[in-house]
Amino acid sequence: MREGESYPAAPSARDRFVLERRGPHPQHDPWRHQGLILEDERTADGGRARVATVLLTGRECPWRCAMCDLWTYTIASDTPAGAIPAQLELARLALRGQATPVTGIKLYNAGSFFDPRAVPEADYDAIALTLAGLSLVIVESHPALAGRRVDRLLAALDRQRGSGDPPQLEVAMGLETAHPIALDRLNKRFTMDGFARAAHALRARDVAVRVFLLISPPFVPPSEQDEWLLRSVDAAFSCGASVVSLVPTRSGNGAVEQLAASGWFHPPDLDDVERSFALALEHAEGRGRVFVDVWDLQRFESCPCCAGARRDRLQAMNLEQRLRPRYACPSGDHAVPQ
C-alpha cells in the first residue's frame, strides 16, 4: 500500500477514521472511579514519594487522537456535577491507613481535566477540599485547555490554606513525539510551537509540567525512532518539563491496528521499551526525571522466563534514575539491552 492511501489528510476525516474503527462504548458509573494504582516515584530532590493514581470516570475527550484507547474509560455524556469530588472522596477513603502515607495523587480522567464538560468548574472547590494534606496533585490536559481554568483550580487549592499549604500543581500533557509529520497525523490538533506556548504558560504560573512521549509512535519510520525519541526528550525539557514519562504505544483501539496493517505502525516489544528508556534516561543528563510506564507492561512481554526481572529492572531505574546492569535471560535466548 502506498503512502497516504490508507490514512486521510483532513482532521475531520481522521476523526471519522478513528471513530469508525472503535468497538462498543463500555458503560461506566460516573459516581465511581475505575481504580487506584499505588507506586513509589522519584522526587525532584532525589527522594521517594508514594503516589496514588485515581482513574477517574468522566466525559469522553473531544479530541480523537489516532493512537488513544482511553475512551474506553469514559462516559459519552457530560460528567454530572458532584461526581468527580465523590469519586475522590471514595479514593481518599480507600487510601487511609497505608503503611507508607500517600503524599501525591494523579487525577487521570482519560481526557483533559480542564475540559468543563469532563470536570465541571463548579466542582473545583470540592475537589480541592478532597486534596487537603497532599503535597502534589497531577492532572492531565490537552495543551489547548491549559489557560484560565488552571488559574481557577489554583485559586480553589489556595482557598484550602486553612488545612495546610496547598499541594503543588503539576499538569501532564501528551506531546507524544516532536516529529512534525507524525505529530500532525496523530490528530493531536496542535503544533510543537503550540505545545511550547502552553508549557511556558504553565511554568509562568509556577505549575510543574510533565510530558508524555510515546515509545514507537506511529508514522515515525523504524530507522528514525531512536533519533526522534531523543529529539522529543530535548523538546520536552526545552519547554520547561520537570518529568518526561515514556508510554509504549498500545494496540487495541482499532485505528492502531489499521495503521499497523498499512505499515505506519510497528508495535513495540519489551526490547524496544528497555532500549528507549535507557537512551532517554542517559540523554536527559540531569535536566529532569525520565520515567517509563510499567502499568501495562505485560502486553509487551514475550518471554515468561525473564519478564518479571526485566519489569523490576525498569521500575528500579525509574526510582534510581540511572541505568541498571543487564539481566541475562535464564533461557539463554536474549538479554536486556543496556
C-alpha atoms as a PDB file:
ATOM      1  CA  MET A   1       0.000   0.000   0.000  1.00  0.00           C
ATOM      2  CA  ARG A   2       1.421   3.367  -1.000  1.00  0.00           C
ATOM      3  CA  GLU A   3       1.874   6.219   1.461  1.00  0.00           C
ATOM      4  CA  GLY A   4      -1.265   8.252   2.015  1.00  0.00           C
ATOM      5  CA  GLU A   5      -3.708   5.655   0.654  1.00  0.00           C
ATOM      6  CA  SER A   6      -4.892   4.320   3.976  1.00  0.00           C
ATOM      7  CA  TYR A   7      -4.886   7.420   6.145  1.00  0.00           C
ATOM      8  CA  PRO A   8      -6.812  10.640   5.489  1.00  0.00           C
ATOM      9  CA  ALA A   9      -5.219  14.091   5.384  1.00  0.00           C
ATOM     10  CA  ALA A  10      -8.049  16.270   6.752  1.00  0.00           C
ATOM     11  CA  PRO A  11      -8.543  16.378  10.550  1.00  0.00           C
ATOM     12  CA  SER A  12     -12.295  15.780  10.258  1.00  0.00           C
ATOM     13  CA  ALA A  13     -11.670  12.722   8.079  1.00  0.00           C
ATOM     14  CA  ARG A  14      -9.114  11.497  10.603  1.00  0.00           C
ATOM     15  CA  ASP A  15     -11.743  11.821  13.322  1.00  0.00           C
ATOM     16  CA  ARG A  16     -14.015   9.536  11.286  1.00  0.00           C
ATOM     17  CA  PHE A  17     -11.127   7.135  10.663  1.00  0.00           C
ATOM     18  CA  VAL A  18     -10.655   6.766  14.425  1.00  0.00           C
ATOM     19  CA  LEU A  19     -14.339   6.633  15.365  1.00  0.00           C
ATOM     20  CA  GLU A  20     -15.324   4.121  12.693  1.00  0.00           C
ATOM     21  CA  ARG A  21     -12.799   1.586  13.989  1.00  0.00           C
ATOM     22  CA  ARG A  22     -13.890   1.659  17.603  1.00  0.00           C
ATOM     23  CA  GLY A  23     -15.784  -1.061  19.345  1.00  0.00           C
ATOM     24  CA  PRO A  24     -18.860  -0.536  21.558  1.00  0.00           C
ATOM     25  CA  HIS A  25     -18.542   2.114  24.258  1.00  0.00           C
ATOM     26  CA  PRO A  26     -18.403   0.461  27.705  1.00  0.00           C
ATOM     27  CA  GLN A  27     -20.903   1.599  30.327  1.00  0.00           C
ATOM     28  CA  HIS A  28     -19.457   3.158  33.485  1.00  0.00           C
ATOM     29  CA  ASP A  29     -20.937   4.609  36.659  1.00  0.00           C
ATOM     30  CA  PRO A  30     -19.926   8.302  36.741  1.00  0.00           C
ATOM     31  CA  TRP A  31     -20.093   8.330  40.535  1.00  0.00           C
ATOM     32  CA  ARG A  32     -17.343   5.734  40.942  1.00  0.00           C
ATOM     33  CA  HIS A  33     -13.708   5.838  39.886  1.00  0.00           C
ATOM     34  CA  GLN A  34     -12.289   2.928  37.916  1.00  0.00           C
ATOM     35  CA  GLY A  35      -9.370   2.029  40.091  1.00  0.00           C
ATOM     36  CA  LEU A  36      -6.405   3.090  42.170  1.00  0.00           C
ATOM     37  CA  ILE A  37      -2.758   2.462  41.414  1.00  0.00           C
ATOM     38  CA  LEU A  38      -0.135   2.911  44.121  1.00  0.00           C
ATOM     39  CA  GLU A  39       3.505   3.427  43.212  1.00  0.00           C
ATOM     40  CA  ASP A  40       6.678   4.990  44.534  1.00  0.00           C
ATOM     41  CA  GLU A  41       8.052   7.814  42.423  1.00  0.00           C
ATOM     42  CA  ARG A  42      11.390   9.591  42.428  1.00  0.00           C
ATOM     43  CA  THR A  43      11.022  13.218  43.533  1.00  0.00           C
ATOM     44  CA  ALA A  44      12.839  16.247  42.142  1.00  0.00           C
ATOM     45  CA  ASP A  45      15.126  16.376  45.192  1.00  0.00           C
ATOM     46  CA  GLY A  46      16.166  12.740  44.807  1.00  0.00           C
ATOM     47  CA  GLY A  47      13.822  11.342  47.422  1.00  0.00           C
ATOM     48  CA  ARG A  48      10.966   8.909  47.070  1.00  0.00           C
ATOM     49  CA  ALA A  49       7.231   9.608  47.410  1.00  0.00           C
ATOM     50  CA  ARG A  50       4.218   7.326  47.493  1.00  0.00           C
ATOM     51  CA  VAL A  51       1.853   8.451  44.742  1.00  0.00           C
ATOM     52  CA  ALA A  52      -1.688   7.248  44.050  1.00  0.00           C
ATOM     53  CA  THR A  53      -3.245   7.377  40.596  1.00  0.00           C
ATOM     54  CA  VAL A  54      -7.021   7.687  40.573  1.00  0.00           C
ATOM     55  CA  LEU A  55      -8.576   6.554  37.307  1.00  0.00           C
ATOM     56  CA  LEU A  56     -11.486   8.965  37.213  1.00  0.00           C
ATOM     57  CA  THR A  57     -14.706   8.424  35.300  1.00  0.00           C
ATOM     58  CA  GLY A  58     -15.874  11.358  33.191  1.00  0.00           C
ATOM     59  CA  ARG A  59     -16.912  12.589  29.783  1.00  0.00           C
ATOM     60  CA  GLU A  60     -15.019  11.362  26.766  1.00  0.00           C
ATOM     61  CA  CYS A  61     -12.216  13.558  25.416  1.00  0.00           C
ATOM     62  CA  PRO A  62     -13.292  15.722  22.435  1.00  0.00           C
ATOM     63  CA  TRP A  63     -10.015  15.045  20.590  1.00  0.00           C
ATOM     64  CA  ARG A  64      -9.692  11.871  18.510  1.00  0.00           C
ATOM     65  CA  CYS A  65      -6.017  11.024  18.698  1.00  0.00           C
ATOM     66  CA  ALA A  66      -5.157   8.171  16.373  1.00  0.00           C
ATOM     67  CA  MET A  67      -3.359   6.038  18.962  1.00  0.00           C
ATOM     68  CA  CYS A  68      -5.594   6.647  22.002  1.00  0.00           C
ATOM     69  CA  ASP A  69      -7.659   3.907  23.640  1.00  0.00           C
ATOM     70  CA  LEU A  70      -8.608   5.903  26.750  1.00  0.00           C
ATOM     71  CA  TRP A  71     -12.164   6.499  25.503  1.00  0.00           C
ATOM     72  CA  THR A  72     -12.970   3.038  26.889  1.00  0.00           C
ATOM     73  CA  TYR A  73     -12.614   4.512  30.407  1.00  0.00           C
ATOM     74  CA  THR A  74     -15.064   7.374  29.805  1.00  0.00           C
ATOM     75  CA  ILE A  75     -18.785   8.088  29.545  1.00  0.00           C
ATOM     76  CA  ALA A  76     -20.493   9.538  26.481  1.00  0.00           C
ATOM     77  CA  SER A  77     -22.487  12.188  28.383  1.00  0.00           C
ATOM     78  CA  ASP A  78     -21.265  15.176  30.372  1.00  0.00           C
ATOM     79  CA  THR A  79     -19.850  14.368  33.810  1.00  0.00           C
ATOM     80  CA  PRO A  80     -22.549  15.105  36.408  1.00  0.00           C
ATOM     81  CA  ALA A  81     -21.867  17.910  38.857  1.00  0.00           C
ATOM     82  CA  GLY A  82     -20.501  16.475  42.085  1.00  0.00           C
ATOM     83  CA  ALA A  83     -19.377  13.177  40.550  1.00  0.00           C
ATOM     84  CA  ILE A  84     -15.633  13.891  40.474  1.00  0.00           C
ATOM     85  CA  PRO A  85     -15.487  15.023  44.151  1.00  0.00           C
ATOM     86  CA  ALA A  86     -17.492  11.920  45.084  1.00  0.00           C
ATOM     87  CA  GLN A  87     -15.002   9.694  43.267  1.00  0.00           C
ATOM     88  CA  LEU A  88     -12.110  11.420  45.023  1.00  0.00           C
ATOM     89  CA  GLU A  89     -13.708  11.036  48.439  1.00  0.00           C
ATOM     90  CA  LEU A  90     -14.001   7.294  47.807  1.00  0.00           C
ATOM     91  CA  ALA A  91     -10.376   7.179  46.684  1.00  0.00           C
ATOM     92  CA  ARG A  92      -9.048   9.078  49.703  1.00  0.00           C
ATOM     93  CA  LEU A  93     -11.073   6.823  51.994  1.00  0.00           C
ATOM     94  CA  ALA A  94      -9.549   3.734  50.368  1.00  0.00           C
ATOM     95  CA  LEU A  95      -6.060   5.189  50.775  1.00  0.00           C
ATOM     96  CA  ARG A  96      -6.331   5.714  54.513  1.00  0.00           C
ATOM     97  CA  GLY A  97      -4.194   3.540  56.731  1.00  0.00           C
ATOM     98  CA  GLN A  98      -1.477   2.866  54.164  1.00  0.00           C
ATOM     99  CA  ALA A  99       1.785   1.788  55.803  1.00  0.00           C
ATOM    100  CA  THR A 100       3.543   4.397  53.672  1.00  0.00           C
ATOM    101  CA  PRO A 101       1.423   7.560  53.564  1.00  0.00           C
ATOM    102  CA  VAL A 102       0.352   8.794  50.164  1.00  0.00           C
ATOM    103  CA  THR A 103       1.703  12.309  49.599  1.00  0.00           C
ATOM    104  CA  GLY A 104       0.898  12.790  45.912  1.00  0.00           C
ATOM    105  CA  ILE A 105      -2.055  11.989  43.692  1.00  0.00           C
ATOM    106  CA  LYS A 106      -2.571  11.768  39.942  1.00  0.00           C
ATOM    107  CA  LEU A 107      -6.089  12.614  38.797  1.00  0.00           C
ATOM    108  CA  TYR A 108      -6.248  10.938  35.403  1.00  0.00           C
ATOM    109  CA  ASN A 109      -9.628  11.252  33.743  1.00  0.00           C
ATOM    110  CA  ALA A 110      -8.748   9.768  30.317  1.00  0.00           C
ATOM    111  CA  GLY A 111      -9.046  13.225  28.816  1.00  0.00           C
ATOM    112  CA  SER A 112      -8.447  16.808  29.886  1.00  0.00           C
ATOM    113  CA  PHE A 113      -9.019  17.899  33.467  1.00  0.00           C
ATOM    114  CA  PHE A 114      -9.688  21.434  32.220  1.00  0.00           C
ATOM    115  CA  ASP A 115     -12.464  20.350  29.874  1.00  0.00           C
ATOM    116  CA  PRO A 116     -15.521  21.761  31.711  1.00  0.00           C
ATOM    117  CA  ARG A 117     -17.748  19.005  30.325  1.00  0.00           C
ATOM    118  CA  ALA A 118     -15.405  16.395  31.830  1.00  0.00           C
ATOM    119  CA  VAL A 119     -14.677  18.166  35.142  1.00  0.00           C
ATOM    120  CA  PRO A 120     -17.239  20.888  35.923  1.00  0.00           C
ATOM    121  CA  GLU A 121     -15.632  24.112  37.123  1.00  0.00           C
ATOM    122  CA  ALA A 122     -18.258  24.362  39.866  1.00  0.00           C
ATOM    123  CA  ASP A 123     -16.629  21.283  41.450  1.00  0.00           C
ATOM    124  CA  TYR A 124     -13.152  22.817  41.797  1.00  0.00           C
ATOM    125  CA  ASP A 125     -13.597  23.845  45.438  1.00  0.00           C
ATOM    126  CA  ALA A 126     -14.992  20.452  46.416  1.00  0.00           C
ATOM    127  CA  ILE A 127     -12.142  18.769  44.562  1.00  0.00           C
ATOM    128  CA  ALA A 128      -9.588  20.970  46.325  1.00  0.00           C
ATOM    129  CA  LEU A 129     -11.119  20.027  49.676  1.00  0.00           C
ATOM    130  CA  THR A 130     -10.579  16.325  48.964  1.00  0.00           C
ATOM    131  CA  LEU A 131      -6.888  17.019  48.238  1.00  0.00           C
ATOM    132  CA  ALA A 132      -6.133  18.543  51.653  1.00  0.00           C
ATOM    133  CA  GLY A 133      -2.941  17.211  53.222  1.00  0.00           C
ATOM    134  CA  LEU A 134      -1.259  16.208  49.966  1.00  0.00           C
ATOM    135  CA  SER A 135       1.947  17.807  48.717  1.00  0.00           C
ATOM    136  CA  LEU A 136       1.442  17.153  44.991  1.00  0.00           C
ATOM    137  CA  VAL A 137      -1.511  16.834  42.634  1.00  0.00           C
ATOM    138  CA  ILE A 138      -1.065  15.944  38.959  1.00  0.00           C
ATOM    139  CA  VAL A 139      -3.799  16.405  36.382  1.00  0.00           C
ATOM    140  CA  GLU A 140      -3.719  15.789  32.636  1.00  0.00           C
ATOM    141  CA  SER A 141      -4.731  18.219  29.920  1.00  0.00           C
ATOM    142  CA  HIS A 142      -4.632  18.948  26.228  1.00  0.00           C
ATOM    143  CA  PRO A 143      -2.381  21.992  25.630  1.00  0.00           C
ATOM    144  CA  ALA A 144      -5.307  23.970  24.182  1.00  0.00           C
ATOM    145  CA  LEU A 145      -7.039  23.956  27.578  1.00  0.00           C
ATOM    146  CA  ALA A 146      -4.082  24.999  29.740  1.00  0.00           C
ATOM    147  CA  GLY A 147      -5.405  28.504  30.337  1.00  0.00           C
ATOM    148  CA  ARG A 148      -7.867  30.300  32.605  1.00  0.00           C
ATOM    149  CA  ARG A 149      -9.225  27.148  34.219  1.00  0.00           C
ATOM    150  CA  VAL A 150      -5.733  26.449  35.522  1.00  0.00           C
ATOM    151  CA  ASP A 151      -5.932  29.747  37.385  1.00  0.00           C
ATOM    152  CA  ARG A 152      -9.334  28.798  38.792  1.00  0.00           C
ATOM    153  CA  LEU A 153      -8.077  25.449  40.039  1.00  0.00           C
ATOM    154  CA  LEU A 154      -5.035  27.133  41.606  1.00  0.00           C
ATOM    155  CA  ALA A 155      -7.355  29.590  43.336  1.00  0.00           C
ATOM    156  CA  ALA A 156      -9.521  26.747  44.635  1.00  0.00           C
ATOM    157  CA  LEU A 157      -6.459  24.964  46.004  1.00  0.00           C
ATOM    158  CA  ASP A 158      -5.284  28.187  47.627  1.00  0.00           C
ATOM    159  CA  ARG A 159      -8.645  28.656  49.343  1.00  0.00           C
ATOM    160  CA  GLN A 160      -7.928  25.481  51.325  1.00  0.00           C
ATOM    161  CA  ARG A 161      -4.925  27.011  53.094  1.00  0.00           C
ATOM    162  CA  GLY A 162      -6.728  26.552  56.395  1.00  0.00           C
ATOM    163  CA  SER A 163      -5.995  22.837  56.006  1.00  0.00           C
ATOM    164  CA  GLY A 164      -2.289  23.489  55.396  1.00  0.00           C
ATOM    165  CA  ASP A 165      -0.209  24.519  52.425  1.00  0.00           C
ATOM    166  CA  PRO A 166      -1.923  23.706  49.122  1.00  0.00           C
ATOM    167  CA  PRO A 167      -0.376  20.937  47.038  1.00  0.00           C
ATOM    168  CA  GLN A 168       1.963  21.743  44.182  1.00  0.00           C
ATOM    169  CA  LEU A 169       0.033  21.516  40.925  1.00  0.00           C
ATOM    170  CA  GLU A 170       1.557  19.626  38.020  1.00  0.00           C
ATOM    171  CA  VAL A 171      -0.051  19.336  34.584  1.00  0.00           C
ATOM    172  CA  ALA A 172       0.741  16.349  32.378  1.00  0.00           C
ATOM    173  CA  MET A 173       0.406  16.879  28.619  1.00  0.00           C
ATOM    174  CA  GLY A 174       0.782  14.364  25.828  1.00  0.00           C
ATOM    175  CA  LEU A 175       3.305  15.615  23.297  1.00  0.00           C
ATOM    176  CA  GLU A 176       3.800  12.010  22.060  1.00  0.00           C
ATOM    177  CA  THR A 177       6.550  12.992  19.599  1.00  0.00           C
ATOM    178  CA  ALA A 178       8.284  16.095  18.296  1.00  0.00           C
ATOM    179  CA  HIS A 179       8.353  14.575  14.784  1.00  0.00           C
ATOM    180  CA  PRO A 180       6.265  17.222  12.961  1.00  0.00           C
ATOM    181  CA  ILE A 181       4.660  14.912  10.399  1.00  0.00           C
ATOM    182  CA  ALA A 182       3.857  12.212  12.953  1.00  0.00           C
ATOM    183  CA  LEU A 183       2.516  14.785  15.426  1.00  0.00           C
ATOM    184  CA  ASP A 184       0.138  16.096  12.773  1.00  0.00           C
ATOM    185  CA  ARG A 185      -1.009  12.651  11.631  1.00  0.00           C
ATOM    186  CA  LEU A 186      -1.647  11.510  15.191  1.00  0.00           C
ATOM    187  CA  ASN A 187      -4.510  14.040  15.080  1.00  0.00           C
ATOM    188  CA  LYS A 188      -3.379  15.774  18.248  1.00  0.00           C
ATOM    189  CA  ARG A 189      -4.540  19.124  16.806  1.00  0.00           C
ATOM    190  CA  PHE A 190      -1.566  21.161  17.990  1.00  0.00           C
ATOM    191  CA  THR A 191       1.904  22.014  16.726  1.00  0.00           C
ATOM    192  CA  MET A 192       5.190  21.912  18.588  1.00  0.00           C
ATOM    193  CA  ASP A 193       5.029  25.709  18.888  1.00  0.00           C
ATOM    194  CA  GLY A 194       1.552  25.496  20.383  1.00  0.00           C
ATOM    195  CA  PHE A 195       2.685  22.876  22.869  1.00  0.00           C
ATOM    196  CA  ALA A 196       5.645  25.049  23.888  1.00  0.00           C
ATOM    197  CA  ARG A 197       3.379  28.060  24.456  1.00  0.00           C
ATOM    198  CA  ALA A 198       1.097  26.011  26.710  1.00  0.00           C
ATOM    199  CA  ALA A 199       4.032  24.621  28.692  1.00  0.00           C
ATOM    200  CA  HIS A 200       5.594  28.050  29.148  1.00  0.00           C
ATOM    201  CA  ALA A 201       2.235  29.474  30.262  1.00  0.00           C
ATOM    202  CA  LEU A 202       2.034  26.773  32.929  1.00  0.00           C
ATOM    203  CA  ARG A 203       5.572  27.425  34.121  1.00  0.00           C
ATOM    204  CA  ALA A 204       4.771  31.155  34.334  1.00  0.00           C
ATOM    205  CA  ARG A 205       2.046  30.185  36.832  1.00  0.00           C
ATOM    206  CA  ASP A 206       4.582  28.107  38.818  1.00  0.00           C
ATOM    207  CA  VAL A 207       2.810  24.936  37.667  1.00  0.00           C
ATOM    208  CA  ALA A 208       5.091  21.983  37.027  1.00  0.00           C
ATOM    209  CA  VAL A 209       4.941  20.266  33.631  1.00  0.00           C
ATOM    210  CA  ARG A 210       5.045  16.536  32.914  1.00  0.00           C
ATOM    211  CA  VAL A 211       5.303  15.418  29.288  1.00  0.00           C
ATOM    212  CA  PHE A 212       4.114  12.097  27.890  1.00  0.00           C
ATOM    213  CA  LEU A 213       6.147  10.709  24.978  1.00  0.00           C
ATOM    214  CA  LEU A 214       5.317   7.565  23.037  1.00  0.00           C
ATOM    215  CA  ILE A 215       7.684   4.670  22.562  1.00  0.00           C
ATOM    216  CA  SER A 216       7.352   3.593  18.924  1.00  0.00           C
ATOM    217  CA  PRO A 217       4.837   6.249  17.841  1.00  0.00           C
ATOM    218  CA  PRO A 218       3.003   5.638  14.564  1.00  0.00           C
ATOM    219  CA  PHE A 219       4.203   7.463  11.446  1.00  0.00           C
ATOM    220  CA  VAL A 220       7.847   7.625  12.572  1.00  0.00           C
ATOM    221  CA  PRO A 221       9.955   5.244  10.428  1.00  0.00           C
ATOM    222  CA  PRO A 222      11.568   2.423  12.445  1.00  0.00           C
ATOM    223  CA  SER A 223      15.068   3.585  11.486  1.00  0.00           C
ATOM    224  CA  GLU A 224      14.325   7.044  12.942  1.00  0.00           C
ATOM    225  CA  GLN A 225      12.587   6.053  16.174  1.00  0.00           C
ATOM    226  CA  ASP A 226      15.611   6.445  18.459  1.00  0.00           C
ATOM    227  CA  GLU A 227      16.669   9.766  16.922  1.00  0.00           C
ATOM    228  CA  TRP A 228      13.197  11.264  17.249  1.00  0.00           C
ATOM    229  CA  LEU A 229      12.754   9.976  20.766  1.00  0.00           C
ATOM    230  CA  LEU A 230      15.840  11.912  21.828  1.00  0.00           C
ATOM    231  CA  ARG A 231      14.711  14.974  19.891  1.00  0.00           C
ATOM    232  CA  SER A 232      11.383  14.714  21.673  1.00  0.00           C
ATOM    233  CA  VAL A 233      13.104  14.488  25.061  1.00  0.00           C
ATOM    234  CA  ASP A 234      15.043  17.639  24.165  1.00  0.00           C
ATOM    235  CA  ALA A 235      11.833  19.384  23.119  1.00  0.00           C
ATOM    236  CA  ALA A 236      10.103  18.453  26.380  1.00  0.00           C
ATOM    237  CA  PHE A 237      12.903  19.760  28.580  1.00  0.00           C
ATOM    238  CA  SER A 238      13.285  22.911  26.486  1.00  0.00           C
ATOM    239  CA  CYS A 239       9.617  23.610  27.275  1.00  0.00           C
ATOM    240  CA  GLY A 240      10.386  23.507  30.993  1.00  0.00           C
ATOM    241  CA  ALA A 241       9.237  19.969  31.772  1.00  0.00           C
ATOM    242  CA  SER A 242      10.472  18.505  35.036  1.00  0.00           C
ATOM    243  CA  VAL A 243       9.337  14.982  34.126  1.00  0.00           C
ATOM    244  CA  VAL A 244       9.281  13.038  30.869  1.00  0.00           C
ATOM    245  CA  SER A 245       7.127   9.921  31.025  1.00  0.00           C
ATOM    246  CA  LEU A 246       7.585   7.306  28.299  1.00  0.00           C
ATOM    247  CA  VAL A 247       4.489   5.335  27.318  1.00  0.00           C
ATOM    248  CA  PRO A 248       4.751   2.323  24.967  1.00  0.00           C
ATOM    249  CA  THR A 249       2.225   2.687  22.153  1.00  0.00           C
ATOM    250  CA  ARG A 250      -0.586   0.171  22.674  1.00  0.00           C
ATOM    251  CA  SER A 251      -2.789  -1.504  20.144  1.00  0.00           C
ATOM    252  CA  GLY A 252      -6.449  -2.106  20.836  1.00  0.00           C
ATOM    253  CA  ASN A 253      -8.363   0.932  19.581  1.00  0.00           C
ATOM    254  CA  GLY A 254      -8.930  -0.315  16.051  1.00  0.00           C
ATOM    255  CA  ALA A 255      -7.220   2.613  14.384  1.00  0.00           C
ATOM    256  CA  VAL A 256      -3.779   1.479  15.534  1.00  0.00           C
ATOM    257  CA  GLU A 257      -4.383  -1.982  14.103  1.00  0.00           C
ATOM    258  CA  GLN A 258      -5.250  -0.410  10.753  1.00  0.00           C
ATOM    259  CA  LEU A 259      -2.111   1.724  10.872  1.00  0.00           C
ATOM    260  CA  ALA A 260      -0.061  -1.420  11.574  1.00  0.00           C
ATOM    261  CA  ALA A 261      -1.673  -3.244   8.648  1.00  0.00           C
ATOM    262  CA  SER A 262      -0.822  -0.284   6.405  1.00  0.00           C
ATOM    263  CA  GLY A 263       2.807  -0.170   7.558  1.00  0.00           C
ATOM    264  CA  TRP A 264       2.503   3.073   9.511  1.00  0.00           C
ATOM    265  CA  PHE A 265       2.911   1.485  12.938  1.00  0.00           C
ATOM    266  CA  HIS A 266       5.308  -1.156  14.233  1.00  0.00           C
ATOM    267  CA  PRO A 267       4.232  -2.386  17.680  1.00  0.00           C
ATOM    268  CA  PRO A 268       6.984  -2.137  20.310  1.00  0.00           C
ATOM    269  CA  ASP A 269       8.190  -5.126  22.258  1.00  0.00           C
ATOM    270  CA  LEU A 270       9.930  -5.226  25.608  1.00  0.00           C
ATOM    271  CA  ASP A 271      13.330  -4.795  23.951  1.00  0.00           C
ATOM    272  CA  ASP A 272      12.099  -1.545  22.397  1.00  0.00           C
ATOM    273  CA  VAL A 273      10.797  -0.343  25.745  1.00  0.00           C
ATOM    274  CA  GLU A 274      14.087  -1.083  27.502  1.00  0.00           C
ATOM    275  CA  ARG A 275      16.239   0.438  24.776  1.00  0.00           C
ATOM    276  CA  SER A 276      14.119   3.594  24.567  1.00  0.00           C
ATOM    277  CA  PHE A 277      14.150   4.119  28.314  1.00  0.00           C
ATOM    278  CA  ALA A 278      17.914   3.633  28.540  1.00  0.00           C
ATOM    279  CA  LEU A 279      18.537   6.088  25.701  1.00  0.00           C
ATOM    280  CA  ALA A 280      16.196   8.732  27.127  1.00  0.00           C
ATOM    281  CA  LEU A 281      17.494   8.348  30.685  1.00  0.00           C
ATOM    282  CA  GLU A 282      21.095   8.854  29.621  1.00  0.00           C
ATOM    283  CA  HIS A 283      20.178  11.661  27.251  1.00  0.00           C
ATOM    284  CA  ALA A 284      18.369  13.621  29.973  1.00  0.00           C
ATOM    285  CA  GLU A 285      21.729  14.389  31.617  1.00  0.00           C
ATOM    286  CA  GLY A 286      20.187  15.744  34.814  1.00  0.00           C
ATOM    287  CA  ARG A 287      17.754  18.126  33.109  1.00  0.00           C
ATOM    288  CA  GLY A 288      14.830  16.349  34.717  1.00  0.00           C
ATOM    289  CA  ARG A 289      13.450  12.950  35.606  1.00  0.00           C
ATOM    290  CA  VAL A 290      12.622  10.320  32.983  1.00  0.00           C
ATOM    291  CA  PHE A 291      10.174   7.537  33.786  1.00  0.00           C
ATOM    292  CA  VAL A 292       8.810   4.640  31.777  1.00  0.00           C
ATOM    293  CA  ASP A 293       5.235   3.458  32.216  1.00  0.00           C
ATOM    294  CA  VAL A 294       5.206  -0.103  33.602  1.00  0.00           C
ATOM    295  CA  TRP A 295       1.473  -0.330  34.392  1.00  0.00           C
ATOM    296  CA  ASP A 296       0.533  -2.406  31.364  1.00  0.00           C
ATOM    297  CA  LEU A 297       3.930  -3.832  30.540  1.00  0.00           C
ATOM    298  CA  GLN A 298       2.745  -7.439  30.324  1.00  0.00           C
ATOM    299  CA  ARG A 299       1.262  -6.848  26.895  1.00  0.00           C
ATOM    300  CA  PHE A 300       4.778  -6.175  25.548  1.00  0.00           C
ATOM    301  CA  GLU A 301       6.378  -9.216  27.195  1.00  0.00           C
ATOM    302  CA  SER A 302       7.013 -12.405  25.252  1.00  0.00           C
ATOM    303  CA  CYS A 303       9.375 -14.436  27.443  1.00  0.00           C
ATOM    304  CA  PRO A 304       7.971 -15.741  30.746  1.00  0.00           C
ATOM    305  CA  CYS A 305      11.456 -16.629  31.988  1.00  0.00           C
ATOM    306  CA  CYS A 306      12.669 -13.074  32.370  1.00  0.00           C
ATOM    307  CA  ALA A 307       9.599 -10.818  32.155  1.00  0.00           C
ATOM    308  CA  GLY A 308       9.327 -10.224  35.901  1.00  0.00           C
ATOM    309  CA  ALA A 309      13.010  -9.460  36.388  1.00  0.00           C
ATOM    310  CA  ARG A 310      13.050  -7.114  33.424  1.00  0.00           C
ATOM    311  CA  ARG A 311       9.998  -5.284  34.729  1.00  0.00           C
ATOM    312  CA  ASP A 312      11.661  -4.962  38.159  1.00  0.00           C
ATOM    313  CA  ARG A 313      14.762  -3.558  36.492  1.00  0.00           C
ATOM    314  CA  LEU A 314      12.757  -0.850  34.745  1.00  0.00           C
ATOM    315  CA  GLN A 315      10.995   0.091  37.974  1.00  0.00           C
ATOM    316  CA  ALA A 316      14.345   0.292  39.780  1.00  0.00           C
ATOM    317  CA  MET A 317      15.652   2.571  37.036  1.00  0.00           C
ATOM    318  CA  ASN A 318      12.558   4.749  37.476  1.00  0.00           C
ATOM    319  CA  LEU A 319      13.348   5.159  41.157  1.00  0.00           C
ATOM    320  CA  GLU A 320      17.121   5.468  40.901  1.00  0.00           C
ATOM    321  CA  GLN A 321      17.282   7.472  37.649  1.00  0.00           C
ATOM    322  CA  ARG A 322      20.289   5.517  36.498  1.00  0.00           C
ATOM    323  CA  LEU A 323      20.936   2.512  34.289  1.00  0.00           C
ATOM    324  CA  ARG A 324      20.891  -0.895  35.912  1.00  0.00           C
ATOM    325  CA  PRO A 325      23.137  -3.761  34.712  1.00  0.00           C
ATOM    326  CA  ARG A 326      21.823  -6.121  32.121  1.00  0.00           C
ATOM    327  CA  TYR A 327      19.733  -9.067  33.137  1.00  0.00           C
ATOM    328  CA  ALA A 328      20.616 -12.280  31.311  1.00  0.00           C
ATOM    329  CA  CYS A 329      17.575 -14.367  30.434  1.00  0.00           C
ATOM    330  CA  PRO A 330      17.712 -17.822  32.113  1.00  0.00           C
ATOM    331  CA  SER A 331      16.584 -19.402  28.845  1.00  0.00           C
ATOM    332  CA  GLY A 332      19.701 -18.039  27.165  1.00  0.00           C
ATOM    333  CA  ASP A 333      17.737 -16.616  24.261  1.00  0.00           C
ATOM    334  CA  HIS A 334      18.314 -12.941  24.893  1.00  0.00           C
ATOM    335  CA  ALA A 335      19.453 -10.338  27.407  1.00  0.00           C
ATOM    336  CA  VAL A 336      18.160  -6.964  28.458  1.00  0.00           C
ATOM    337  CA  PRO A 337      19.699  -4.227  26.297  1.00  0.00           C
ATOM    338  CA  GLN A 338      21.996  -1.838  28.149  1.00  0.00           C
END
